[in-house]
């Protein structure tokens, strides 16, 4: 989510975002998803993402990962990253606009 400098400053002044990386503002009102103990990997949360309407299917999620459209805390995920264990307060970005914060 890249914004012009004026838009970034306005978001920060209004308390709507915080600077994450150079040139990128992350909104502060990100929806949260509760992770069950024992189901903490990227592969385990796919059914919950489908149930909440963030993605339509597991194949869509895997396709987005192949196309580097999924990132965790700003780092792009690849197909072999499905066994990564999610920690509390991590942010998953699917595409440009879908953001989810995980809580345990």
N, C-alpha and C. Protein backbone atom coordinates (compact mmCIF):
# COMPACT_ATOMS: atom_id res chain seq x y z
N UNK A 1 0.84 -1.15 0.00
CA UNK A 1 0.00 0.00 0.00
C UNK A 1 0.90 1.23 0.00
N UNK A 2 1.24 1.74 -1.16
CA UNK A 2 2.09 2.90 -1.28
C UNK A 2 1.23 4.13 -1.49
N UNK A 3 1.48 5.16 -0.70
CA UNK A 3 0.72 6.39 -0.77
C UNK A 3 1.67 7.54 -1.03
N UNK A 4 1.13 8.64 -1.52
CA UNK A 4 1.93 9.85 -1.70
C UNK A 4 2.31 10.36 -0.31
N UNK A 5 3.38 11.12 -0.25
CA UNK A 5 3.89 11.63 1.02
C UNK A 5 2.82 12.41 1.78
N UNK A 6 2.06 13.24 1.08
CA UNK A 6 1.02 14.03 1.74
C UNK A 6 -0.04 13.12 2.37
N UNK A 7 -0.42 12.05 1.64
CA UNK A 7 -1.42 11.12 2.17
C UNK A 7 -0.89 10.38 3.39
N UNK A 8 0.39 10.00 3.36
CA UNK A 8 1.00 9.31 4.50
C UNK A 8 1.00 10.20 5.73
N UNK A 9 1.43 11.45 5.55
CA UNK A 9 1.49 12.38 6.68
C UNK A 9 0.10 12.64 7.25
N UNK A 10 -0.89 12.76 6.37
CA UNK A 10 -2.27 12.98 6.82
C UNK A 10 -2.77 11.79 7.63
N UNK A 11 -2.48 10.56 7.18
CA UNK A 11 -2.91 9.36 7.92
C UNK A 11 -2.27 9.32 9.30
N UNK A 12 -0.99 9.64 9.38
CA UNK A 12 -0.28 9.61 10.66
C UNK A 12 -0.80 10.69 11.59
N UNK A 13 -1.03 11.90 11.05
CA UNK A 13 -1.55 12.99 11.88
C UNK A 13 -2.95 12.67 12.40
N UNK A 14 -3.75 11.98 11.61
CA UNK A 14 -5.11 11.63 12.03
C UNK A 14 -5.13 10.39 12.92
N UNK A 15 -3.99 9.78 13.15
CA UNK A 15 -3.92 8.59 13.98
C UNK A 15 -4.44 7.34 13.29
N UNK A 16 -4.46 7.34 11.95
CA UNK A 16 -5.00 6.21 11.21
C UNK A 16 -3.93 5.21 10.77
N UNK A 17 -2.67 5.51 10.95
CA UNK A 17 -1.63 4.61 10.48
C UNK A 17 -0.32 4.85 11.16
N UNK A 18 0.63 3.96 10.87
CA UNK A 18 1.98 4.10 11.39
C UNK A 18 2.94 3.71 10.28
N UNK A 19 4.13 4.28 10.29
CA UNK A 19 5.12 3.99 9.26
C UNK A 19 5.74 2.63 9.54
N UNK A 20 5.76 1.76 8.52
CA UNK A 20 6.33 0.43 8.67
C UNK A 20 7.68 0.38 7.99
N UNK A 21 7.70 0.58 6.71
CA UNK A 21 8.93 0.63 5.92
C UNK A 21 8.99 1.98 5.25
N UNK A 22 10.13 2.29 4.69
CA UNK A 22 10.26 3.56 3.99
C UNK A 22 9.23 3.63 2.85
N UNK A 23 8.40 4.65 2.88
CA UNK A 23 7.41 4.84 1.83
C UNK A 23 6.15 4.03 2.00
N UNK A 24 5.95 3.39 3.16
CA UNK A 24 4.78 2.54 3.36
C UNK A 24 4.14 2.84 4.71
N UNK A 25 2.83 3.06 4.69
CA UNK A 25 2.09 3.31 5.93
C UNK A 25 1.14 2.15 6.16
N UNK A 26 1.17 1.58 7.35
CA UNK A 26 0.31 0.46 7.71
C UNK A 26 -0.84 1.01 8.54
N UNK A 27 -2.08 0.73 8.17
CA UNK A 27 -3.21 1.20 8.98
C UNK A 27 -3.19 0.57 10.37
N UNK A 28 -3.71 1.29 11.35
CA UNK A 28 -3.72 0.78 12.72
C UNK A 28 -4.98 -0.02 13.03
N UNK A 29 -6.02 0.13 12.23
CA UNK A 29 -7.27 -0.58 12.50
C UNK A 29 -7.39 -1.84 11.64
N UNK A 30 -6.45 -2.75 11.81
CA UNK A 30 -6.41 -4.00 11.05
C UNK A 30 -7.29 -5.03 11.75
N UNK A 31 -8.15 -5.74 10.99
CA UNK A 31 -8.96 -6.78 11.62
C UNK A 31 -8.09 -7.91 12.19
N UNK A 32 -8.55 -8.51 13.27
CA UNK A 32 -7.77 -9.57 13.93
C UNK A 32 -8.42 -10.93 13.70
N UNK A 33 -7.57 -11.95 13.77
CA UNK A 33 -8.03 -13.33 13.63
C UNK A 33 -7.36 -14.13 14.75
N UNK A 34 -8.17 -14.83 15.52
CA UNK A 34 -7.67 -15.63 16.63
C UNK A 34 -7.11 -16.95 16.11
N UNK A 35 -5.88 -17.27 16.51
CA UNK A 35 -5.23 -18.51 16.10
C UNK A 35 -5.38 -19.53 17.22
N UNK A 36 -5.81 -20.74 16.88
CA UNK A 36 -5.93 -21.80 17.87
C UNK A 36 -4.54 -22.38 18.18
N UNK A 37 -4.34 -22.77 19.42
CA UNK A 37 -3.10 -23.42 19.82
C UNK A 37 -3.02 -24.76 19.08
N UNK A 38 -1.88 -25.04 18.49
CA UNK A 38 -1.69 -26.28 17.74
C UNK A 38 -1.99 -26.13 16.26
N UNK A 39 -2.66 -25.05 15.89
CA UNK A 39 -2.95 -24.77 14.47
C UNK A 39 -2.39 -23.39 14.15
N UNK A 40 -1.06 -23.29 14.23
CA UNK A 40 -0.41 -22.00 14.15
C UNK A 40 0.40 -21.78 12.88
N UNK A 41 0.41 -22.75 11.97
CA UNK A 41 1.19 -22.56 10.75
C UNK A 41 0.34 -21.86 9.69
N UNK A 42 0.99 -21.36 8.67
CA UNK A 42 0.29 -20.69 7.57
C UNK A 42 -0.72 -21.63 6.93
N UNK A 43 -0.34 -22.89 6.75
CA UNK A 43 -1.23 -23.87 6.14
C UNK A 43 -2.47 -24.13 7.02
N UNK A 44 -2.30 -24.09 8.34
CA UNK A 44 -3.40 -24.35 9.26
C UNK A 44 -4.44 -23.23 9.30
N UNK A 45 -4.04 -21.99 8.97
CA UNK A 45 -4.98 -20.88 9.07
C UNK A 45 -5.79 -20.67 7.80
N UNK A 46 -5.47 -21.38 6.73
CA UNK A 46 -6.19 -21.20 5.47
C UNK A 46 -7.71 -21.44 5.64
N UNK A 47 -8.16 -22.51 6.32
CA UNK A 47 -9.61 -22.68 6.50
C UNK A 47 -10.26 -21.49 7.23
N UNK A 48 -9.57 -20.91 8.21
CA UNK A 48 -10.11 -19.76 8.93
C UNK A 48 -10.19 -18.54 8.01
N UNK A 49 -9.20 -18.37 7.13
CA UNK A 49 -9.23 -17.26 6.18
C UNK A 49 -10.39 -17.41 5.20
N UNK A 50 -10.67 -18.65 4.79
CA UNK A 50 -11.81 -18.92 3.90
C UNK A 50 -13.12 -18.62 4.63
N UNK A 51 -13.24 -19.09 5.88
CA UNK A 51 -14.46 -18.89 6.66
C UNK A 51 -14.75 -17.41 6.90
N UNK A 52 -13.70 -16.62 7.08
CA UNK A 52 -13.87 -15.19 7.33
C UNK A 52 -14.03 -14.38 6.04
N UNK A 53 -13.84 -15.02 4.88
CA UNK A 53 -14.05 -14.35 3.60
C UNK A 53 -12.85 -13.59 3.06
N UNK A 54 -11.66 -13.83 3.61
CA UNK A 54 -10.47 -13.15 3.10
C UNK A 54 -10.01 -13.76 1.78
N UNK A 55 -10.21 -15.07 1.62
CA UNK A 55 -9.89 -15.76 0.37
C UNK A 55 -11.05 -16.69 0.04
N UNK A 56 -11.10 -17.13 -1.22
CA UNK A 56 -12.20 -17.99 -1.64
C UNK A 56 -11.87 -19.47 -1.51
N UNK A 57 -10.59 -19.82 -1.68
CA UNK A 57 -10.21 -21.23 -1.61
C UNK A 57 -8.73 -21.37 -1.29
N UNK A 58 -8.34 -22.59 -0.94
CA UNK A 58 -6.94 -22.87 -0.67
C UNK A 58 -6.10 -22.68 -1.93
N UNK A 59 -6.67 -23.06 -3.08
CA UNK A 59 -5.92 -22.91 -4.34
C UNK A 59 -5.69 -21.44 -4.67
N UNK A 60 -6.65 -20.58 -4.34
CA UNK A 60 -6.45 -19.14 -4.56
C UNK A 60 -5.29 -18.63 -3.71
N UNK A 61 -5.25 -19.07 -2.44
CA UNK A 61 -4.18 -18.66 -1.54
C UNK A 61 -2.82 -19.13 -2.05
N UNK A 62 -2.75 -20.40 -2.50
CA UNK A 62 -1.49 -20.94 -3.01
C UNK A 62 -1.07 -20.22 -4.29
N UNK A 63 -2.04 -19.88 -5.15
CA UNK A 63 -1.73 -19.14 -6.38
C UNK A 63 -1.16 -17.76 -6.04
N UNK A 64 -1.78 -17.09 -5.06
CA UNK A 64 -1.28 -15.78 -4.65
C UNK A 64 0.13 -15.89 -4.07
N UNK A 65 0.41 -16.97 -3.35
CA UNK A 65 1.76 -17.16 -2.82
C UNK A 65 2.77 -17.35 -3.95
N UNK A 66 2.38 -18.11 -4.99
CA UNK A 66 3.27 -18.30 -6.15
C UNK A 66 3.56 -16.98 -6.83
N UNK A 67 2.54 -16.11 -6.89
CA UNK A 67 2.68 -14.83 -7.57
C UNK A 67 3.24 -13.74 -6.65
N UNK A 68 3.70 -14.14 -5.46
CA UNK A 68 4.26 -13.24 -4.45
C UNK A 68 3.27 -12.16 -4.03
N UNK A 69 2.00 -12.57 -3.89
CA UNK A 69 0.95 -11.66 -3.47
C UNK A 69 0.58 -11.79 -2.01
N UNK A 70 1.35 -12.59 -1.27
CA UNK A 70 1.08 -12.79 0.16
C UNK A 70 2.36 -12.46 0.92
N UNK A 71 2.24 -11.62 1.95
CA UNK A 71 3.41 -11.30 2.75
C UNK A 71 3.07 -11.37 4.23
N UNK A 72 4.06 -11.70 5.01
CA UNK A 72 3.94 -11.77 6.46
C UNK A 72 4.92 -10.76 7.05
N UNK A 73 4.38 -9.77 7.73
CA UNK A 73 5.20 -8.68 8.29
C UNK A 73 6.08 -8.02 7.25
N UNK A 74 5.56 -7.87 6.04
CA UNK A 74 6.29 -7.17 4.98
C UNK A 74 7.21 -8.03 4.15
N UNK A 75 7.38 -9.30 4.50
CA UNK A 75 8.25 -10.19 3.73
C UNK A 75 7.40 -11.15 2.91
N UNK A 76 7.66 -11.23 1.61
CA UNK A 76 6.89 -12.06 0.70
C UNK A 76 7.02 -13.53 1.09
N UNK A 77 5.89 -14.24 1.04
CA UNK A 77 5.89 -15.68 1.30
C UNK A 77 5.93 -16.43 -0.01
N UNK A 78 6.60 -17.57 0.00
CA UNK A 78 6.66 -18.44 -1.17
C UNK A 78 5.95 -19.75 -0.83
N UNK A 79 5.80 -20.61 -1.84
CA UNK A 79 5.06 -21.87 -1.66
C UNK A 79 5.60 -22.73 -0.52
N UNK A 80 6.91 -22.78 -0.36
CA UNK A 80 7.49 -23.64 0.66
C UNK A 80 7.50 -23.00 2.05
N UNK A 81 6.87 -21.83 2.20
CA UNK A 81 6.78 -21.16 3.49
C UNK A 81 5.50 -21.49 4.24
N UNK A 82 4.77 -22.52 3.81
CA UNK A 82 3.49 -22.84 4.45
C UNK A 82 3.66 -23.43 5.84
N UNK A 83 4.85 -23.86 6.21
CA UNK A 83 5.07 -24.43 7.54
C UNK A 83 5.56 -23.41 8.56
N UNK A 84 5.61 -22.14 8.18
CA UNK A 84 6.03 -21.08 9.11
C UNK A 84 5.00 -20.98 10.23
N UNK A 85 5.49 -20.91 11.46
CA UNK A 85 4.62 -20.79 12.63
C UNK A 85 4.32 -19.30 12.85
N UNK A 86 3.04 -18.99 12.94
CA UNK A 86 2.61 -17.61 13.15
C UNK A 86 2.69 -17.25 14.62
N UNK A 87 3.19 -16.07 14.90
CA UNK A 87 3.31 -15.60 16.28
C UNK A 87 2.24 -14.55 16.55
N UNK A 88 2.10 -14.18 17.80
CA UNK A 88 1.13 -13.18 18.20
C UNK A 88 1.48 -11.82 17.59
N UNK A 89 0.47 -11.12 17.11
CA UNK A 89 0.57 -9.76 16.60
C UNK A 89 1.29 -9.65 15.25
N UNK A 90 1.41 -10.75 14.51
CA UNK A 90 1.98 -10.69 13.18
C UNK A 90 0.88 -10.29 12.20
N UNK A 91 1.29 -9.65 11.10
CA UNK A 91 0.33 -9.15 10.11
C UNK A 91 0.54 -9.86 8.79
N UNK A 92 -0.54 -10.46 8.29
CA UNK A 92 -0.54 -11.13 6.99
C UNK A 92 -1.23 -10.20 6.00
N UNK A 93 -0.58 -9.97 4.87
CA UNK A 93 -1.16 -9.16 3.82
C UNK A 93 -1.42 -10.04 2.61
N UNK A 94 -2.67 -10.05 2.15
CA UNK A 94 -3.08 -10.82 0.98
C UNK A 94 -3.46 -9.82 -0.09
N UNK A 95 -2.70 -9.79 -1.17
CA UNK A 95 -2.93 -8.77 -2.19
C UNK A 95 -2.50 -7.41 -1.67
N UNK A 96 -3.14 -6.37 -2.18
CA UNK A 96 -2.75 -5.02 -1.77
C UNK A 96 -3.55 -4.50 -0.58
N UNK A 97 -4.79 -4.96 -0.43
CA UNK A 97 -5.67 -4.30 0.52
C UNK A 97 -6.15 -5.17 1.68
N UNK A 98 -5.97 -6.48 1.62
CA UNK A 98 -6.47 -7.35 2.69
C UNK A 98 -5.38 -7.59 3.72
N UNK A 99 -5.60 -7.09 4.92
CA UNK A 99 -4.65 -7.23 6.01
C UNK A 99 -5.33 -7.93 7.18
N UNK A 100 -4.59 -8.83 7.84
CA UNK A 100 -5.11 -9.55 8.99
C UNK A 100 -4.02 -9.59 10.05
N UNK A 101 -4.39 -9.25 11.29
CA UNK A 101 -3.46 -9.34 12.43
C UNK A 101 -3.84 -10.60 13.21
N UNK A 102 -2.85 -11.39 13.54
CA UNK A 102 -3.09 -12.65 14.27
C UNK A 102 -2.88 -12.46 15.75
N UNK A 103 -3.78 -13.02 16.54
CA UNK A 103 -3.63 -13.03 17.99
C UNK A 103 -3.82 -14.46 18.48
N UNK A 104 -3.14 -14.80 19.56
CA UNK A 104 -3.24 -16.14 20.14
C UNK A 104 -3.99 -16.07 21.43
